[in-house]
């Protein structure tokens, strides 16, 4: 419990995974809704949004997880240095 209160264990990576799923679902629904509009080019725009929107959302969420992974690795290195001295 003290590790949790001292922010030694981060819970954000698991939260980001849930946020990713919600965002991907929202992007997909909005893209499909855009494809059903009666405007010219809406199918192309919807497909573009479906593919590029989900791809960019995935890259964004992965970058956040990588930042937290870097933090975990640096914390591990710091703890091993403190333990050896």
N, C-alpha and C. Protein backbone atom coordinates (compact mmCIF):
# COMPACT_ATOMS: atom_id res chain seq x y z
N UNK A 1 0.82 -1.19 0.00
CA UNK A 1 0.00 0.00 0.00
C UNK A 1 0.86 1.26 0.00
N UNK A 2 2.01 1.22 0.68
CA UNK A 2 2.86 2.41 0.72
C UNK A 2 3.46 2.69 -0.65
N UNK A 3 3.72 1.64 -1.47
CA UNK A 3 4.23 1.87 -2.82
C UNK A 3 3.19 2.60 -3.65
N UNK A 4 1.92 2.25 -3.44
CA UNK A 4 0.84 2.92 -4.17
C UNK A 4 0.73 4.38 -3.76
N UNK A 5 0.79 4.65 -2.47
CA UNK A 5 0.65 6.01 -1.98
C UNK A 5 1.86 6.87 -2.30
N UNK A 6 3.03 6.24 -2.46
CA UNK A 6 4.24 6.99 -2.83
C UNK A 6 4.44 7.06 -4.34
N UNK A 7 3.48 6.58 -5.09
CA UNK A 7 3.51 6.58 -6.56
C UNK A 7 4.68 5.76 -7.11
N UNK A 8 5.07 4.69 -6.41
CA UNK A 8 6.10 3.80 -6.94
C UNK A 8 5.51 2.86 -7.99
N UNK A 9 4.27 2.48 -7.83
CA UNK A 9 3.57 1.67 -8.82
C UNK A 9 2.59 2.57 -9.57
N UNK A 10 2.74 2.61 -10.88
CA UNK A 10 1.89 3.48 -11.69
C UNK A 10 0.76 2.67 -12.29
N UNK A 11 -0.44 3.22 -12.24
CA UNK A 11 -1.61 2.52 -12.77
C UNK A 11 -2.05 3.08 -14.12
N UNK A 12 -1.35 4.10 -14.58
CA UNK A 12 -1.78 4.79 -15.79
C UNK A 12 -1.73 3.92 -17.02
N UNK A 13 -0.78 2.99 -17.11
CA UNK A 13 -0.69 2.15 -18.31
C UNK A 13 -1.93 1.30 -18.49
N UNK A 14 -2.49 0.79 -17.41
CA UNK A 14 -3.72 0.01 -17.56
C UNK A 14 -4.91 0.91 -17.88
N UNK A 15 -4.90 2.12 -17.38
CA UNK A 15 -5.97 3.07 -17.70
C UNK A 15 -5.88 3.47 -19.17
N UNK A 16 -4.66 3.67 -19.67
CA UNK A 16 -4.47 4.05 -21.08
C UNK A 16 -5.02 2.97 -22.01
N UNK A 17 -4.88 1.71 -21.64
CA UNK A 17 -5.41 0.63 -22.48
C UNK A 17 -6.93 0.72 -22.60
N UNK A 18 -7.59 1.04 -21.51
CA UNK A 18 -9.04 1.22 -21.56
C UNK A 18 -9.44 2.45 -22.34
N UNK A 19 -8.68 3.53 -22.17
CA UNK A 19 -8.96 4.76 -22.92
C UNK A 19 -8.74 4.51 -24.41
N UNK A 20 -7.72 3.71 -24.75
CA UNK A 20 -7.48 3.38 -26.15
C UNK A 20 -8.69 2.66 -26.76
N UNK A 21 -9.22 1.68 -26.05
CA UNK A 21 -10.37 0.94 -26.58
C UNK A 21 -11.57 1.85 -26.78
N UNK A 22 -11.82 2.73 -25.82
CA UNK A 22 -12.95 3.66 -25.96
C UNK A 22 -12.73 4.63 -27.12
N UNK A 23 -11.52 5.12 -27.27
CA UNK A 23 -11.21 6.04 -28.35
C UNK A 23 -11.30 5.38 -29.71
N UNK A 24 -10.79 4.15 -29.82
CA UNK A 24 -10.86 3.43 -31.09
C UNK A 24 -12.31 3.14 -31.47
N UNK A 25 -13.11 2.81 -30.49
CA UNK A 25 -14.52 2.57 -30.74
C UNK A 25 -15.21 3.86 -31.21
N UNK A 26 -14.91 4.96 -30.57
CA UNK A 26 -15.50 6.25 -30.95
C UNK A 26 -15.07 6.66 -32.35
N UNK A 27 -13.79 6.49 -32.68
CA UNK A 27 -13.29 6.83 -34.02
C UNK A 27 -13.98 5.97 -35.07
N UNK A 28 -14.14 4.68 -34.78
CA UNK A 28 -14.78 3.78 -35.73
C UNK A 28 -16.25 4.15 -35.95
N UNK A 29 -16.96 4.42 -34.88
CA UNK A 29 -18.38 4.79 -35.01
C UNK A 29 -18.53 6.10 -35.78
N UNK A 30 -17.72 7.09 -35.44
CA UNK A 30 -17.79 8.39 -36.12
C UNK A 30 -17.44 8.24 -37.60
N UNK A 31 -16.47 7.40 -37.91
CA UNK A 31 -16.10 7.19 -39.31
C UNK A 31 -17.22 6.53 -40.09
N UNK A 32 -17.85 5.52 -39.49
CA UNK A 32 -18.97 4.87 -40.16
C UNK A 32 -20.15 5.82 -40.33
N UNK A 33 -20.40 6.65 -39.33
CA UNK A 33 -21.46 7.65 -39.46
C UNK A 33 -21.14 8.66 -40.57
N UNK A 34 -19.88 9.01 -40.68
CA UNK A 34 -19.47 9.93 -41.74
C UNK A 34 -19.64 9.33 -43.12
N UNK A 35 -19.46 8.01 -43.23
CA UNK A 35 -19.63 7.35 -44.53
C UNK A 35 -21.09 7.32 -44.98
N UNK A 36 -22.02 7.43 -44.05
CA UNK A 36 -23.43 7.36 -44.41
C UNK A 36 -24.01 8.71 -44.80
N UNK A 37 -23.23 9.76 -44.70
CA UNK A 37 -23.71 11.09 -45.09
C UNK A 37 -23.92 11.15 -46.60
N UNK A 38 -24.81 12.00 -47.06
CA UNK A 38 -25.13 12.10 -48.48
C UNK A 38 -24.26 13.12 -49.21
N UNK A 39 -23.07 13.34 -48.72
CA UNK A 39 -22.18 14.30 -49.36
C UNK A 39 -21.18 13.55 -50.24
N UNK A 40 -20.72 14.21 -51.30
CA UNK A 40 -19.74 13.56 -52.16
C UNK A 40 -18.41 13.46 -51.43
N UNK A 41 -17.78 12.33 -51.56
CA UNK A 41 -16.49 12.09 -50.90
C UNK A 41 -16.60 11.66 -49.46
N UNK A 42 -17.82 11.50 -48.96
CA UNK A 42 -17.95 11.14 -47.54
C UNK A 42 -17.51 9.71 -47.28
N UNK A 43 -17.67 8.82 -48.25
CA UNK A 43 -17.21 7.44 -48.07
C UNK A 43 -15.69 7.41 -47.99
N UNK A 44 -15.05 8.15 -48.89
CA UNK A 44 -13.58 8.22 -48.86
C UNK A 44 -13.08 8.85 -47.56
N UNK A 45 -13.71 9.92 -47.15
CA UNK A 45 -13.31 10.59 -45.90
C UNK A 45 -13.55 9.68 -44.70
N UNK A 46 -14.65 8.94 -44.72
CA UNK A 46 -14.92 8.01 -43.63
C UNK A 46 -13.90 6.88 -43.56
N UNK A 47 -13.54 6.34 -44.72
CA UNK A 47 -12.51 5.29 -44.75
C UNK A 47 -11.16 5.82 -44.31
N UNK A 48 -10.85 7.03 -44.75
CA UNK A 48 -9.60 7.66 -44.35
C UNK A 48 -9.57 7.89 -42.84
N UNK A 49 -10.68 8.36 -42.32
CA UNK A 49 -10.77 8.56 -40.87
C UNK A 49 -10.70 7.25 -40.11
N UNK A 50 -11.30 6.22 -40.68
CA UNK A 50 -11.28 4.91 -40.03
C UNK A 50 -9.86 4.36 -39.93
N UNK A 51 -9.14 4.43 -41.04
CA UNK A 51 -7.79 3.86 -41.06
C UNK A 51 -6.80 4.78 -40.36
N UNK A 52 -6.69 6.02 -40.83
CA UNK A 52 -5.69 6.93 -40.26
C UNK A 52 -6.04 7.36 -38.83
N UNK A 53 -7.32 7.54 -38.57
CA UNK A 53 -7.72 7.94 -37.22
C UNK A 53 -7.36 6.88 -36.19
N UNK A 54 -7.67 5.63 -36.49
CA UNK A 54 -7.33 4.55 -35.55
C UNK A 54 -5.83 4.33 -35.47
N UNK A 55 -5.13 4.49 -36.59
CA UNK A 55 -3.68 4.33 -36.58
C UNK A 55 -3.02 5.41 -35.73
N UNK A 56 -3.42 6.65 -35.93
CA UNK A 56 -2.82 7.74 -35.17
C UNK A 56 -3.18 7.66 -33.68
N UNK A 57 -4.39 7.24 -33.38
CA UNK A 57 -4.81 7.06 -31.98
C UNK A 57 -3.97 5.98 -31.32
N UNK A 58 -3.69 4.88 -32.06
CA UNK A 58 -2.87 3.80 -31.53
C UNK A 58 -1.45 4.29 -31.25
N UNK A 59 -0.87 5.04 -32.19
CA UNK A 59 0.48 5.56 -32.02
C UNK A 59 0.54 6.51 -30.83
N UNK A 60 -0.45 7.35 -30.67
CA UNK A 60 -0.49 8.28 -29.55
C UNK A 60 -0.53 7.53 -28.21
N UNK A 61 -1.40 6.54 -28.11
CA UNK A 61 -1.51 5.78 -26.86
C UNK A 61 -0.25 4.97 -26.60
N UNK A 62 0.35 4.40 -27.65
CA UNK A 62 1.59 3.66 -27.47
C UNK A 62 2.71 4.56 -26.97
N UNK A 63 2.77 5.79 -27.46
CA UNK A 63 3.80 6.73 -27.00
C UNK A 63 3.64 7.03 -25.52
N UNK A 64 2.44 7.17 -25.05
CA UNK A 64 2.22 7.40 -23.62
C UNK A 64 2.69 6.20 -22.81
N UNK A 65 2.37 4.99 -23.28
CA UNK A 65 2.79 3.79 -22.57
C UNK A 65 4.32 3.67 -22.58
N UNK A 66 4.96 4.03 -23.69
CA UNK A 66 6.42 3.99 -23.76
C UNK A 66 7.03 4.96 -22.75
N UNK A 67 6.46 6.13 -22.60
CA UNK A 67 6.97 7.08 -21.60
C UNK A 67 6.90 6.50 -20.19
N UNK A 68 5.81 5.83 -19.87
CA UNK A 68 5.70 5.22 -18.55
C UNK A 68 6.64 4.02 -18.41
N UNK A 69 6.88 3.31 -19.50
CA UNK A 69 7.83 2.20 -19.48
C UNK A 69 9.25 2.71 -19.24
N UNK A 70 9.59 3.83 -19.86
CA UNK A 70 10.90 4.45 -19.63
C UNK A 70 11.02 4.85 -18.16
N UNK A 71 9.96 5.40 -17.60
CA UNK A 71 9.98 5.77 -16.18
C UNK A 71 10.21 4.55 -15.30
N UNK A 72 9.52 3.45 -15.59
CA UNK A 72 9.70 2.23 -14.80
C UNK A 72 11.13 1.71 -14.89
N UNK A 73 11.70 1.75 -16.09
CA UNK A 73 13.07 1.27 -16.27
C UNK A 73 14.06 2.16 -15.53
N UNK A 74 13.88 3.46 -15.62
CA UNK A 74 14.77 4.38 -14.91
C UNK A 74 14.64 4.23 -13.39
N UNK A 75 13.43 4.00 -12.92
CA UNK A 75 13.23 3.77 -11.48
C UNK A 75 13.91 2.49 -11.04
N UNK A 76 13.84 1.47 -11.87
CA UNK A 76 14.50 0.20 -11.56
C UNK A 76 16.02 0.37 -11.51
N UNK A 77 16.56 1.12 -12.45
CA UNK A 77 18.01 1.38 -12.45
C UNK A 77 18.40 2.18 -11.22
N UNK A 78 17.60 3.17 -10.88
CA UNK A 78 17.89 3.99 -9.70
C UNK A 78 17.87 3.15 -8.43
N UNK A 79 16.87 2.27 -8.32
CA UNK A 79 16.78 1.41 -7.13
C UNK A 79 17.95 0.44 -7.05
N UNK A 80 18.40 -0.09 -8.19
CA UNK A 80 19.53 -1.02 -8.15
C UNK A 80 20.82 -0.29 -7.80
N UNK A 81 20.98 0.97 -8.22
CA UNK A 81 22.15 1.74 -7.85
C UNK A 81 22.14 2.05 -6.36
N UNK A 82 20.98 2.40 -5.84
CA UNK A 82 20.86 2.70 -4.40
C UNK A 82 21.14 1.46 -3.56
N UNK A 83 20.69 0.28 -4.02
CA UNK A 83 20.88 -0.95 -3.27
C UNK A 83 22.35 -1.39 -3.28
N UNK A 84 23.06 -1.10 -4.36
CA UNK A 84 24.45 -1.57 -4.45
C UNK A 84 25.42 -0.67 -3.68
N UNK A 85 25.02 0.55 -3.37
CA UNK A 85 25.93 1.44 -2.65
C UNK A 85 25.75 1.41 -1.17
